[in-house]
Amino acid sequence: MPINNPKEVLALVERAASDKISLPVRKILILAFLAGAYISMGGLFSIVIGYGFPSMAPAPGLQRLLSGLVFPLGLMLVVFAGAELFTGNNAVLVPGALGRRYGWRKVLLNWMLVYAGNFVGSLFFACFLVKLPGMLSAEAWRSAAVSVAEAKVSMPWLTVFLRGVGANWLVCLAVWLGLSANDVAGRLLGLFFPIMCFVAIGYEHSVANMFFIPLGMMHGASVTVSDFLLANLVPATLGNIVGGAVFVGGIYWYINK
């Protein structure tokens, strides 16, 4: 089937946004919880595969490629199973607000509720489905979880912010590409490559970090709650908002309105 052109994709985005805005709070929170868990599933998959071959340590590009190849599972589950993801909503809700279909207050409320639900879902998965059942008991995986968490909080604030911009620019482009296709295979391909790209590059995704950093802390990483929130989550979140709302939602609304 022919793909949807950019104006048709924008119409699909605005229709999806109207449905998201009208959801009851309890359903938003449940769907956001699921999205946090789904992204964490992709995160766990990326650790197990990407860091499961210690002999590849001298080839970091190959390790990142392997992690990137499997991490897209998370967004695929969000899109096909149905869930509310903060970073995707950074772009999806913006065209409707710019077109005055609904107010910015509703956008901000949705973002706050979804962010909270994503956080709870990520922590739940990290604690009850990774740490407690001992899924990272092998030393290579435990060490990877620790080193990933420590590396993420050791970067300068501006670096994390800019990496956050890049991450959600690609994540929201994945959503746009997915909507350009009308069949399952096309949507999977549209979602796959931008997500693989952002993971392999090493950009910072706030919801993924809600899983990666607490997971490392649970396995002994030298990271405090303050480090987690102030050194990574805050700048990554702000960067994600810019990457999604400005570079995808805002620009494509302006071009195709």
C-alpha atoms as a PDB file:
ATOM      1  CA  MET A   1       0.000   0.000   0.000  1.00  0.00           C
ATOM      2  CA  PRO A   2       1.234   3.577  -0.626  1.00  0.00           C
ATOM      3  CA  ILE A   3       2.628   5.417   2.352  1.00  0.00           C
ATOM      4  CA  ASN A   4       0.863   8.331   4.022  1.00  0.00           C
ATOM      5  CA  ASN A   5       2.355  11.657   3.007  1.00  0.00           C
ATOM      6  CA  PRO A   6       3.472  14.179   5.665  1.00  0.00           C
ATOM      7  CA  LYS A   7       0.122  15.993   5.736  1.00  0.00           C
ATOM      8  CA  GLU A   8      -1.716  12.702   6.162  1.00  0.00           C
ATOM      9  CA  VAL A   9       0.663  11.717   8.961  1.00  0.00           C
ATOM     10  CA  LEU A  10      -0.044  15.033  10.682  1.00  0.00           C
ATOM     11  CA  ALA A  11      -3.788  14.362  10.459  1.00  0.00           C
ATOM     12  CA  LEU A  12      -3.272  10.920  12.009  1.00  0.00           C
ATOM     13  CA  VAL A  13      -1.176  12.474  14.780  1.00  0.00           C
ATOM     14  CA  GLU A  14      -3.844  15.056  15.570  1.00  0.00           C
ATOM     15  CA  ARG A  15      -6.532  12.374  15.655  1.00  0.00           C
ATOM     16  CA  ALA A  16      -4.438  10.248  18.019  1.00  0.00           C
ATOM     17  CA  ALA A  17      -3.725  13.308  20.177  1.00  0.00           C
ATOM     18  CA  SER A  18      -7.433  14.059  20.557  1.00  0.00           C
ATOM     19  CA  ASP A  19      -7.978  10.513  21.823  1.00  0.00           C
ATOM     20  CA  LYS A  20      -5.083  10.837  24.261  1.00  0.00           C
ATOM     21  CA  ILE A  21      -6.300  14.166  25.638  1.00  0.00           C
ATOM     22  CA  SER A  22      -9.793  12.778  26.259  1.00  0.00           C
ATOM     23  CA  LEU A  23      -8.657   9.725  28.259  1.00  0.00           C
ATOM     24  CA  PRO A  24      -9.683   9.600  31.942  1.00  0.00           C
ATOM     25  CA  VAL A  25      -6.840  10.123  34.413  1.00  0.00           C
ATOM     26  CA  ARG A  26      -6.967   6.543  35.690  1.00  0.00           C
ATOM     27  CA  LYS A  27      -6.578   5.153  32.159  1.00  0.00           C
ATOM     28  CA  ILE A  28      -3.720   7.541  31.393  1.00  0.00           C
ATOM     29  CA  LEU A  29      -1.872   6.358  34.500  1.00  0.00           C
ATOM     30  CA  ILE A  30      -2.414   2.674  33.712  1.00  0.00           C
ATOM     31  CA  LEU A  31      -1.304   3.075  30.099  1.00  0.00           C
ATOM     32  CA  ALA A  32       1.695   5.150  31.218  1.00  0.00           C
ATOM     33  CA  PHE A  33       2.664   2.449  33.719  1.00  0.00           C
ATOM     34  CA  LEU A  34       2.589  -0.071  30.876  1.00  0.00           C
ATOM     35  CA  ALA A  35       4.757   2.132  28.668  1.00  0.00           C
ATOM     36  CA  GLY A  36       7.379   2.455  31.406  1.00  0.00           C
ATOM     37  CA  ALA A  37       7.423  -1.331  31.734  1.00  0.00           C
ATOM     38  CA  TYR A  38       7.577  -1.850  27.964  1.00  0.00           C
ATOM     39  CA  ILE A  39      10.534   0.509  27.526  1.00  0.00           C
ATOM     40  CA  SER A  40      12.221  -1.295  30.427  1.00  0.00           C
ATOM     41  CA  MET A  41      11.720  -4.603  28.643  1.00  0.00           C
ATOM     42  CA  GLY A  42      13.605  -3.190  25.692  1.00  0.00           C
ATOM     43  CA  GLY A  43      16.241  -1.841  28.071  1.00  0.00           C
ATOM     44  CA  LEU A  44      16.764  -5.202  29.746  1.00  0.00           C
ATOM     45  CA  PHE A  45      16.941  -6.872  26.323  1.00  0.00           C
ATOM     46  CA  SER A  46      19.620  -4.377  25.260  1.00  0.00           C
ATOM     47  CA  ILE A  47      21.755  -5.084  28.348  1.00  0.00           C
ATOM     48  CA  VAL A  48      21.478  -8.857  28.042  1.00  0.00           C
ATOM     49  CA  ILE A  49      22.355  -8.876  24.332  1.00  0.00           C
ATOM     50  CA  GLY A  50      24.670  -5.874  24.121  1.00  0.00           C
ATOM     51  CA  TYR A  51      26.767  -6.790  27.139  1.00  0.00           C
ATOM     52  CA  GLY A  52      26.446 -10.567  26.968  1.00  0.00           C
ATOM     53  CA  PHE A  53      29.704 -11.003  25.036  1.00  0.00           C
ATOM     54  CA  PRO A  54      32.601  -9.698  27.210  1.00  0.00           C
ATOM     55  CA  SER A  55      35.056 -10.464  24.430  1.00  0.00           C
ATOM     56  CA  MET A  56      33.536  -7.573  22.470  1.00  0.00           C
ATOM     57  CA  ALA A  57      34.746  -4.970  24.979  1.00  0.00           C
ATOM     58  CA  PRO A  58      37.524  -3.793  22.620  1.00  0.00           C
ATOM     59  CA  ALA A  59      34.847  -3.141  19.955  1.00  0.00           C
ATOM     60  CA  PRO A  60      32.398  -0.689  21.586  1.00  0.00           C
ATOM     61  CA  GLY A  61      30.705   0.064  18.277  1.00  0.00           C
ATOM     62  CA  LEU A  62      29.637  -3.561  17.940  1.00  0.00           C
ATOM     63  CA  GLN A  63      28.311  -3.613  21.503  1.00  0.00           C
ATOM     64  CA  ARG A  64      26.251  -0.486  20.845  1.00  0.00           C
ATOM     65  CA  LEU A  65      24.975  -1.924  17.594  1.00  0.00           C
ATOM     66  CA  LEU A  66      23.756  -5.092  19.312  1.00  0.00           C
ATOM     67  CA  SER A  67      22.054  -3.053  22.037  1.00  0.00           C
ATOM     68  CA  GLY A  68      20.464  -0.858  19.393  1.00  0.00           C
ATOM     69  CA  LEU A  69      19.187  -3.806  17.380  1.00  0.00           C
ATOM     70  CA  VAL A  70      17.010  -5.099  20.234  1.00  0.00           C
ATOM     71  CA  PHE A  71      16.022  -1.976  22.185  1.00  0.00           C
ATOM     72  CA  PRO A  72      13.286  -0.999  19.639  1.00  0.00           C
ATOM     73  CA  LEU A  73      11.139  -3.759  21.156  1.00  0.00           C
ATOM     74  CA  GLY A  74      10.064  -1.215  23.782  1.00  0.00           C
ATOM     75  CA  LEU A  75       8.543   1.328  21.388  1.00  0.00           C
ATOM     76  CA  MET A  76       7.054  -1.432  19.253  1.00  0.00           C
ATOM     77  CA  LEU A  77       5.154  -2.683  22.301  1.00  0.00           C
ATOM     78  CA  VAL A  78       4.040   0.855  23.157  1.00  0.00           C
ATOM     79  CA  VAL A  79       2.685   1.475  19.658  1.00  0.00           C
ATOM     80  CA  PHE A  80       1.149  -1.897  18.849  1.00  0.00           C
ATOM     81  CA  ALA A  81      -0.074  -2.996  22.285  1.00  0.00           C
ATOM     82  CA  GLY A  82      -1.170   0.516  23.197  1.00  0.00           C
ATOM     83  CA  ALA A  83       0.423   2.606  25.952  1.00  0.00           C
ATOM     84  CA  GLU A  84       1.188   6.218  26.867  1.00  0.00           C
ATOM     85  CA  LEU A  85       4.836   7.256  26.531  1.00  0.00           C
ATOM     86  CA  PHE A  86       5.983  10.677  27.735  1.00  0.00           C
ATOM     87  CA  THR A  87       8.587  11.170  25.043  1.00  0.00           C
ATOM     88  CA  GLY A  88       6.237  10.258  22.212  1.00  0.00           C
ATOM     89  CA  ASN A  89       3.562  12.566  23.608  1.00  0.00           C
ATOM     90  CA  ASN A  90       6.091  15.419  23.590  1.00  0.00           C
ATOM     91  CA  ALA A  91       5.579  15.517  19.825  1.00  0.00           C
ATOM     92  CA  VAL A  92       2.137  13.995  19.306  1.00  0.00           C
ATOM     93  CA  LEU A  93       0.239  16.495  21.472  1.00  0.00           C
ATOM     94  CA  VAL A  94       1.934  19.626  20.138  1.00  0.00           C
ATOM     95  CA  PRO A  95       0.279  20.042  16.704  1.00  0.00           C
ATOM     96  CA  GLY A  96      -3.202  20.028  18.217  1.00  0.00           C
ATOM     97  CA  ALA A  97      -2.226  22.620  20.809  1.00  0.00           C
ATOM     98  CA  LEU A  98      -0.588  24.843  18.202  1.00  0.00           C
ATOM     99  CA  GLY A  99      -3.730  24.490  16.075  1.00  0.00           C
ATOM    100  CA  ARG A 100      -5.858  25.465  19.114  1.00  0.00           C
ATOM    101  CA  ARG A 101      -7.821  22.220  19.144  1.00  0.00           C
ATOM    102  CA  TYR A 102      -7.170  22.107  22.902  1.00  0.00           C
ATOM    103  CA  GLY A 103      -5.199  24.156  25.390  1.00  0.00           C
ATOM    104  CA  TRP A 104      -1.629  23.851  26.586  1.00  0.00           C
ATOM    105  CA  ARG A 105      -2.901  23.150  30.087  1.00  0.00           C
ATOM    106  CA  LYS A 106      -4.244  19.806  28.877  1.00  0.00           C
ATOM    107  CA  VAL A 107      -0.939  19.042  27.197  1.00  0.00           C
ATOM    108  CA  LEU A 108       1.061  19.767  30.351  1.00  0.00           C
ATOM    109  CA  LEU A 109      -1.350  17.759  32.504  1.00  0.00           C
ATOM    110  CA  ASN A 110      -1.020  14.787  30.157  1.00  0.00           C
ATOM    111  CA  TRP A 111       2.754  15.058  30.154  1.00  0.00           C
ATOM    112  CA  MET A 112       2.896  15.155  33.963  1.00  0.00           C
ATOM    113  CA  LEU A 113       0.554  12.191  34.424  1.00  0.00           C
ATOM    114  CA  VAL A 114       2.277  10.103  31.763  1.00  0.00           C
ATOM    115  CA  TYR A 115       5.728  10.966  33.123  1.00  0.00           C
ATOM    116  CA  ALA A 116       4.702   9.808  36.600  1.00  0.00           C
ATOM    117  CA  GLY A 117       3.170   6.606  35.256  1.00  0.00           C
ATOM    118  CA  ASN A 118       6.245   5.872  33.123  1.00  0.00           C
ATOM    119  CA  PHE A 119       8.439   6.340  36.201  1.00  0.00           C
ATOM    120  CA  VAL A 120       6.409   3.919  38.310  1.00  0.00           C
ATOM    121  CA  GLY A 121       6.281   1.336  35.531  1.00  0.00           C
ATOM    122  CA  SER A 122      10.045   1.536  35.000  1.00  0.00           C
ATOM    123  CA  LEU A 123      10.819   1.184  38.711  1.00  0.00           C
ATOM    124  CA  PHE A 124       8.361  -1.689  39.061  1.00  0.00           C
ATOM    125  CA  PHE A 125       9.964  -3.624  36.215  1.00  0.00           C
ATOM    126  CA  ALA A 126      13.520  -2.925  37.420  1.00  0.00           C
ATOM    127  CA  CYS A 127      12.742  -4.060  40.974  1.00  0.00           C
ATOM    128  CA  PHE A 128      10.268  -6.912  40.614  1.00  0.00           C
ATOM    129  CA  LEU A 129      11.171  -8.376  37.240  1.00  0.00           C
ATOM    130  CA  VAL A 130      14.928  -7.795  37.083  1.00  0.00           C
ATOM    131  CA  LYS A 131      16.513  -7.302  40.511  1.00  0.00           C
ATOM    132  CA  LEU A 132      14.429  -9.665  42.678  1.00  0.00           C
ATOM    133  CA  PRO A 133      14.438 -12.611  40.228  1.00  0.00           C
ATOM    134  CA  GLY A 134      18.195 -12.143  39.669  1.00  0.00           C
ATOM    135  CA  MET A 135      18.057 -11.569  35.936  1.00  0.00           C
ATOM    136  CA  LEU A 136      21.475  -9.877  35.941  1.00  0.00           C
ATOM    137  CA  SER A 137      23.234 -12.370  38.208  1.00  0.00           C
ATOM    138  CA  ALA A 138      26.002 -12.989  35.674  1.00  0.00           C
ATOM    139  CA  GLU A 139      28.922 -10.670  36.400  1.00  0.00           C
ATOM    140  CA  ALA A 140      29.078  -9.258  32.883  1.00  0.00           C
ATOM    141  CA  TRP A 141      25.460  -8.079  33.087  1.00  0.00           C
ATOM    142  CA  ARG A 142      25.670  -6.801  36.660  1.00  0.00           C
ATOM    143  CA  SER A 143      28.811  -4.839  35.872  1.00  0.00           C
ATOM    144  CA  ALA A 144      27.171  -3.440  32.750  1.00  0.00           C
ATOM    145  CA  ALA A 145      24.139  -2.214  34.705  1.00  0.00           C
ATOM    146  CA  VAL A 146      26.426  -0.520  37.221  1.00  0.00           C
ATOM    147  CA  SER A 147      28.723   1.074  34.644  1.00  0.00           C
ATOM    148  CA  VAL A 148      25.807   2.324  32.523  1.00  0.00           C
ATOM    149  CA  ALA A 149      24.203   4.021  35.522  1.00  0.00           C
ATOM    150  CA  GLU A 150      27.461   5.605  36.690  1.00  0.00           C
ATOM    151  CA  ALA A 151      28.319   6.825  33.198  1.00  0.00           C
ATOM    152  CA  LYS A 152      24.930   8.459  32.746  1.00  0.00           C
ATOM    153  CA  VAL A 153      25.273  10.621  35.874  1.00  0.00           C
ATOM    154  CA  SER A 154      28.921  11.550  35.251  1.00  0.00           C
ATOM    155  CA  MET A 155      28.347  13.743  32.183  1.00  0.00           C
ATOM    156  CA  PRO A 156      28.014  17.557  32.287  1.00  0.00           C
ATOM    157  CA  TRP A 157      24.440  18.886  32.515  1.00  0.00           C
ATOM    158  CA  LEU A 158      24.565  20.480  29.061  1.00  0.00           C
ATOM    159  CA  THR A 159      25.866  17.269  27.508  1.00  0.00           C
ATOM    160  CA  VAL A 160      22.946  15.288  28.907  1.00  0.00           C
ATOM    161  CA  PHE A 161      20.492  17.983  27.758  1.00  0.00           C
ATOM    162  CA  LEU A 162      21.814  17.953  24.192  1.00  0.00           C
ATOM    163  CA  ARG A 163      21.850  14.161  24.105  1.00  0.00           C
ATOM    164  CA  GLY A 164      18.254  14.310  25.296  1.00  0.00           C
ATOM    165  CA  VAL A 165      17.367  16.548  22.355  1.00  0.00           C
ATOM    166  CA  GLY A 166      18.912  14.055  19.945  1.00  0.00           C
ATOM    167  CA  ALA A 167      17.240  11.068  21.564  1.00  0.00           C
ATOM    168  CA  ASN A 168      13.701  12.341  21.329  1.00  0.00           C
ATOM    169  CA  TRP A 169      14.176  13.863  17.911  1.00  0.00           C
ATOM    170  CA  LEU A 170      14.840  10.314  16.719  1.00  0.00           C
ATOM    171  CA  VAL A 171      12.192   8.669  18.918  1.00  0.00           C
ATOM    172  CA  CYS A 172       9.475  11.006  17.645  1.00  0.00           C
ATOM    173  CA  LEU A 173      10.681  10.598  14.072  1.00  0.00           C
ATOM    174  CA  ALA A 174      10.200   6.861  14.641  1.00  0.00           C
ATOM    175  CA  VAL A 175       6.587   7.551  15.615  1.00  0.00           C
ATOM    176  CA  TRP A 176       6.132   9.723  12.502  1.00  0.00           C
ATOM    177  CA  LEU A 177       7.680   7.080  10.243  1.00  0.00           C
ATOM    178  CA  GLY A 178       5.525   4.394  11.797  1.00  0.00           C
ATOM    179  CA  LEU A 179       2.393   6.409  11.029  1.00  0.00           C
ATOM    180  CA  SER A 180       3.487   6.868   7.418  1.00  0.00           C
ATOM    181  CA  ALA A 181       2.924   3.144   6.817  1.00  0.00           C
ATOM    182  CA  ASN A 182      -0.434   1.369   6.623  1.00  0.00           C
ATOM    183  CA  ASP A 183       0.744  -2.182   7.248  1.00  0.00           C
ATOM    184  CA  VAL A 184       2.393  -3.948  10.168  1.00  0.00           C
ATOM    185  CA  ALA A 185       5.728  -4.581   8.417  1.00  0.00           C
ATOM    186  CA  GLY A 186       6.020  -0.978   7.297  1.00  0.00           C
ATOM    187  CA  ARG A 187       5.239   0.364  10.742  1.00  0.00           C
ATOM    188  CA  LEU A 188       7.762  -1.968  12.349  1.00  0.00           C
ATOM    189  CA  LEU A 189      10.485  -0.764   9.975  1.00  0.00           C
ATOM    190  CA  GLY A 190       9.544   2.857  10.577  1.00  0.00           C
ATOM    191  CA  LEU A 191       9.853   2.379  14.329  1.00  0.00           C
ATOM    192  CA  PHE A 192      12.993   0.258  14.170  1.00  0.00           C
ATOM    193  CA  PHE A 193      15.723   2.286  12.491  1.00  0.00           C
ATOM    194  CA  PRO A 194      15.483   5.642  14.346  1.00  0.00           C
ATOM    195  CA  ILE A 195      15.355   3.839  17.723  1.00  0.00           C
ATOM    196  CA  MET A 196      18.303   1.636  16.820  1.00  0.00           C
ATOM    197  CA  CYS A 197      20.134   4.782  15.758  1.00  0.00           C
ATOM    198  CA  PHE A 198      19.620   6.723  18.993  1.00  0.00           C
ATOM    199  CA  VAL A 199      20.693   3.776  21.141  1.00  0.00           C
ATOM    200  CA  ALA A 200      23.792   3.032  19.062  1.00  0.00           C
ATOM    201  CA  ILE A 201      24.787   6.703  19.084  1.00  0.00           C
ATOM    202  CA  GLY A 202      24.391   6.963  22.847  1.00  0.00           C
ATOM    203  CA  TYR A 203      21.712   9.649  23.249  1.00  0.00           C
ATOM    204  CA  GLU A 204      19.786  10.106  26.503  1.00  0.00           C
ATOM    205  CA  HIS A 205      16.140   9.027  26.760  1.00  0.00           C
ATOM    206  CA  SER A 206      14.456  10.029  30.023  1.00  0.00           C
ATOM    207  CA  VAL A 207      12.067   7.078  30.275  1.00  0.00           C
ATOM    208  CA  ALA A 208      14.795   4.568  29.444  1.00  0.00           C
ATOM    209  CA  ASN A 209      16.939   6.205  32.128  1.00  0.00           C
ATOM    210  CA  MET A 210      14.104   5.736  34.636  1.00  0.00           C
ATOM    211  CA  PHE A 211      14.983   2.068  34.194  1.00  0.00           C
ATOM    212  CA  PHE A 212      18.730   2.025  33.555  1.00  0.00           C
ATOM    213  CA  ILE A 213      19.882   4.249  36.409  1.00  0.00           C
ATOM    214  CA  PRO A 214      17.718   2.795  39.219  1.00  0.00           C
ATOM    215  CA  LEU A 215      18.634  -0.674  37.945  1.00  0.00           C
ATOM    216  CA  GLY A 216      22.323   0.164  38.312  1.00  0.00           C
ATOM    217  CA  MET A 217      21.672   1.599  41.777  1.00  0.00           C
ATOM    218  CA  MET A 218      19.923  -1.639  42.793  1.00  0.00           C
ATOM    219  CA  HIS A 219      23.043  -3.549  41.729  1.00  0.00           C
ATOM    220  CA  GLY A 220      25.533  -1.397  43.629  1.00  0.00           C
ATOM    221  CA  ALA A 221      26.260   1.619  41.413  1.00  0.00           C
ATOM    222  CA  SER A 222      27.790   4.616  43.204  1.00  0.00           C
ATOM    223  CA  VAL A 223      24.859   6.852  42.320  1.00  0.00           C
ATOM    224  CA  THR A 224      22.694   8.823  44.726  1.00  0.00           C
ATOM    225  CA  VAL A 225      19.069   9.773  44.189  1.00  0.00           C
ATOM    226  CA  SER A 226      20.252  13.373  43.782  1.00  0.00           C
ATOM    227  CA  ASP A 227      22.751  12.298  41.113  1.00  0.00           C
ATOM    228  CA  PHE A 228      20.024  10.402  39.293  1.00  0.00           C
ATOM    229  CA  LEU A 229      17.512  13.234  39.314  1.00  0.00           C
ATOM    230  CA  LEU A 230      19.661  16.356  38.963  1.00  0.00           C
ATOM    231  CA  ALA A 231      22.608  15.117  36.910  1.00  0.00           C
ATOM    232  CA  ASN A 232      20.623  13.054  34.421  1.00  0.00           C
ATOM    233  CA  LEU A 233      16.844  12.843  34.601  1.00  0.00           C
ATOM    234  CA  VAL A 234      16.135  16.589  34.683  1.00  0.00           C
ATOM    235  CA  PRO A 235      18.407  17.591  31.768  1.00  0.00           C
ATOM    236  CA  ALA A 236      17.463  14.482  29.751  1.00  0.00           C
ATOM    237  CA  THR A 237      13.764  15.252  30.247  1.00  0.00           C
ATOM    238  CA  LEU A 238      14.128  18.886  29.217  1.00  0.00           C
ATOM    239  CA  GLY A 239      16.157  17.852  26.181  1.00  0.00           C
ATOM    240  CA  ASN A 240      13.553  15.247  25.261  1.00  0.00           C
ATOM    241  CA  ILE A 241      10.821  17.886  25.382  1.00  0.00           C
ATOM    242  CA  VAL A 242      12.775  20.141  23.026  1.00  0.00           C
ATOM    243  CA  GLY A 243      13.661  17.276  20.677  1.00  0.00           C
ATOM    244  CA  GLY A 244      10.087  16.052  20.402  1.00  0.00           C
ATOM    245  CA  ALA A 245       7.985  19.200  20.771  1.00  0.00           C
ATOM    246  CA  VAL A 246      10.132  21.570  18.702  1.00  0.00           C
ATOM    247  CA  PHE A 247      11.998  19.478  16.131  1.00  0.00           C
ATOM    248  CA  VAL A 248       9.161  17.082  15.311  1.00  0.00           C
ATOM    249  CA  GLY A 249       5.720  18.145  16.548  1.00  0.00           C
ATOM    250  CA  GLY A 250       6.246  21.882  16.120  1.00  0.00           C
ATOM    251  CA  ILE A 251       8.138  21.906  12.850  1.00  0.00           C
ATOM    252  CA  TYR A 252       5.901  19.385  11.069  1.00  0.00           C
ATOM    253  CA  TRP A 253       2.783  21.237  12.218  1.00  0.00           C
ATOM    254  CA  TYR A 254       4.200  24.522  10.838  1.00  0.00           C
ATOM    255  CA  ILE A 255       5.231  22.981   7.522  1.00  0.00           C
ATOM    256  CA  ASN A 256       2.021  21.051   6.919  1.00  0.00           C
ATOM    257  CA  LYS A 257      -0.674  23.173   8.577  1.00  0.00           C
END
